[in-house]
Protein backbone atom coordinates (compact mmCIF):
# COMPACT_ATOMS: atom_id res chain seq x y z
CA MET A 1 -16.82 13.25 -5.34
CA VAL A 2 -19.44 13.38 -7.09
CA MET A 3 -21.70 11.37 -8.97
CA LYS A 4 -22.25 12.22 -12.61
CA ASP A 5 -19.58 15.33 -12.28
CA HIS A 6 -17.13 15.66 -14.78
CA ILE A 7 -13.33 16.20 -14.71
CA GLY A 8 -11.93 18.23 -17.58
CA PHE A 9 -14.44 18.29 -19.71
CA ARG A 10 -13.80 15.04 -20.48
CA PHE A 11 -13.98 12.35 -17.57
CA GLU A 12 -17.72 10.91 -16.57
CA ILE A 13 -17.02 10.23 -12.40
CA ARG A 14 -19.42 6.03 -12.27
CA ASP A 15 -18.47 4.92 -9.36
CA TYR A 16 -15.55 5.18 -6.73
CA LEU A 17 -13.02 2.66 -6.93
CA GLY A 18 -10.96 3.35 -3.42
CA LYS A 19 -8.38 5.50 -1.40
CA GLY A 20 -5.16 5.86 -0.28
CA SER A 21 -3.10 7.85 1.10
CA PHE A 22 -1.76 9.63 -2.42
CA GLY A 23 -5.73 10.72 -3.05
CA ILE A 24 -8.89 8.53 -4.28
CA ALA A 25 -9.38 6.26 -7.23
CA LEU A 26 -11.84 7.01 -9.42
CA LYS A 27 -14.37 4.47 -12.10
CA CYS A 28 -14.87 7.07 -14.97
CA TRP A 29 -16.14 6.88 -18.88
CA ASP A 30 -13.79 8.93 -21.07
CA HIS A 31 -15.87 10.93 -23.51
CA THR A 32 -13.32 10.77 -25.84
CA LEU A 33 -12.19 7.77 -26.06
CA LYS A 34 -15.72 6.63 -25.13
CA GLU A 35 -14.09 4.03 -23.00
CA GLU A 36 -14.30 3.78 -19.39
CA ALA A 37 -11.04 4.05 -17.67
CA SER A 38 -9.62 4.57 -13.92
CA ILE A 39 -8.71 7.83 -12.73
CA LYS A 40 -6.25 8.55 -10.12
CA ILE A 41 -6.38 11.67 -8.25
CA VAL A 42 -4.21 12.63 -6.36
CA LYS A 43 -4.03 15.21 -2.54
CA ASN A 44 -3.37 18.98 -3.88
CA LYS A 45 -0.72 18.42 -1.20
CA LYS A 46 2.93 19.55 -1.75
CA LYS A 47 4.38 16.24 -0.97
CA TYR A 48 1.93 14.12 -2.81
CA TYR A 49 1.90 16.29 -5.89
CA TYR A 50 6.24 16.25 -5.82
CA GLN A 51 5.69 12.00 -5.31
CA ALA A 52 3.61 12.22 -8.01
CA GLY A 53 5.41 13.85 -10.48
CA ILE A 54 7.87 10.98 -10.24
CA GLU A 55 5.08 8.15 -10.62
CA LEU A 56 4.41 10.28 -13.87
CA LYS A 57 7.51 10.15 -15.27
CA ILE A 58 8.64 6.30 -14.71
CA LEU A 59 4.88 5.30 -15.66
CA ASN A 60 5.57 7.39 -18.77
CA PHE A 61 8.92 5.63 -19.21
CA LEU A 62 7.62 1.70 -18.39
CA LYS A 63 4.95 2.68 -21.08
CA GLU A 64 7.41 4.09 -23.82
CA ASN A 65 9.51 0.79 -22.99
CA ASP A 66 6.82 -1.51 -23.34
CA PRO A 67 4.58 -0.35 -26.54
CA ASP A 68 3.01 -4.36 -26.63
CA ASP A 69 1.79 -4.13 -23.38
CA ILE A 70 3.84 -7.28 -22.18
CA MET A 71 5.57 -6.48 -19.51
CA ASN A 72 2.16 -6.74 -16.44
CA VAL A 73 2.75 -3.32 -15.32
CA ILE A 74 -0.48 -1.12 -15.03
CA HIS A 75 0.21 1.44 -18.62
CA MET A 76 -0.54 5.27 -17.87
CA LYS A 77 -2.70 6.51 -20.58
CA ASP A 78 -3.18 10.43 -19.69
CA TYR A 79 -3.21 12.95 -17.46
CA VAL A 80 -4.92 16.09 -16.14
CA ILE A 81 -4.23 19.12 -13.77
CA PHE A 82 -8.14 20.08 -12.22
CA ARG A 83 -9.06 21.90 -9.69
CA LYS A 84 -5.20 21.68 -8.56
CA HIS A 85 -5.42 18.41 -8.14
CA LEU A 86 -3.18 15.96 -10.99
CA CYS A 87 -5.25 13.36 -12.29
CA ILE A 88 -3.77 9.71 -13.82
CA THR A 89 -5.69 7.73 -15.86
CA PHE A 90 -5.29 4.55 -16.60
CA GLU A 91 -7.27 1.39 -18.35
CA LEU A 92 -9.90 0.19 -15.78
CA MET A 93 -8.78 -3.36 -14.53
CA SER A 94 -11.72 -5.60 -12.73
CA MET A 95 -10.21 -5.94 -9.39
CA ASN A 96 -7.13 -5.82 -7.06
CA LEU A 97 -5.54 -9.03 -5.82
CA PHE A 98 -6.54 -8.60 -2.55
CA GLU A 99 -10.68 -7.92 -3.32
CA PHE A 100 -10.15 -11.40 -4.98
CA LEU A 101 -9.00 -12.83 -2.03
CA LYS A 102 -11.99 -11.78 -0.18
CA LEU A 103 -13.91 -13.55 -2.33
CA ASN A 104 -12.33 -16.20 -1.63
CA ASP A 105 -13.26 -15.85 2.39
CA PHE A 106 -9.18 -15.67 2.64
CA ASN A 107 -8.55 -19.55 1.83
CA GLY A 108 -6.00 -19.19 -0.36
CA PHE A 109 -5.56 -20.66 -4.23
CA ASP A 110 -4.65 -23.95 -5.64
CA HIS A 111 -0.89 -24.40 -6.73
CA ASN A 112 -1.56 -23.50 -10.49
CA LEU A 113 -3.34 -20.74 -9.72
CA ASN A 114 -0.95 -19.10 -7.16
CA ARG A 115 1.89 -20.02 -9.72
CA ARG A 116 0.28 -18.00 -12.99
CA PHE A 117 0.32 -15.48 -10.38
CA ALA A 118 3.82 -15.88 -9.16
CA ILE A 119 4.96 -15.83 -12.85
CA GLN A 120 3.26 -12.40 -14.14
CA LEU A 121 4.58 -10.77 -10.62
CA LEU A 122 8.11 -11.55 -11.02
CA TYR A 123 7.80 -11.14 -14.98
CA ALA A 124 7.02 -7.09 -13.80
CA LEU A 125 9.43 -7.05 -11.16
CA LYS A 126 11.87 -8.46 -13.67
CA TYR A 127 10.62 -5.92 -16.17
CA LEU A 128 11.15 -2.62 -13.54
CA LYS A 129 14.38 -4.28 -12.14
CA GLU A 130 16.17 -3.62 -15.65
CA PHE A 131 15.74 -0.23 -15.69
CA THR A 132 16.76 0.12 -11.24
CA ILE A 133 13.19 0.72 -10.55
CA ILE A 134 11.66 -0.76 -6.96
CA HIS A 135 8.22 -0.19 -6.51
CA CYS A 136 8.14 0.59 -2.77
CA ASP A 137 4.30 -0.81 -2.36
CA LEU A 138 3.72 -4.08 -2.99
CA LYS A 139 1.15 -5.30 -1.41
CA PRO A 140 -2.04 -7.71 -2.77
CA GLU A 141 -4.01 -3.83 -3.07
CA ASN A 142 -1.19 -2.82 -5.65
CA ILE A 143 -2.00 -5.81 -8.16
CA LEU A 144 -4.44 -5.97 -10.55
CA LEU A 145 -6.35 -8.90 -12.26
CA LYS A 146 -7.45 -7.16 -15.54
CA GLU A 147 -10.09 -9.85 -15.82
CA ALA A 148 -11.77 -11.74 -12.17
CA ASN A 149 -12.22 -14.76 -14.56
CA LYS A 150 -8.40 -14.48 -15.32
């Protein structure tokens, strides 16, 4: 990863967001849509590529069935194959729940905030259950907040 480098002659790398076993996530500028985006770059290994292909199909299906973006499931924007890596673009969120907990010194949250998180999370899981989809990696790092103060 090189700052200011471009992916697919469209996305300019602005920042590093994180990494997982799949690959890395980057904050980018989308020169086509003139907005920030996050990009998940999948490692160029057969097992990850296959799994990412399945994820791609599921994300596309979920997006098609939630045109108003109300189900609390992140919407994939686009994808591109670049230098033999699958790159999936998403809207840029503010932070994940783990980072939010860390900002609060891992003290937890008040009852009302916990309740709001739980309702939104259960709403998303209910939506996945409608289509018999199971989220196999549910953890604070994978729960994203649209805005840090909401």
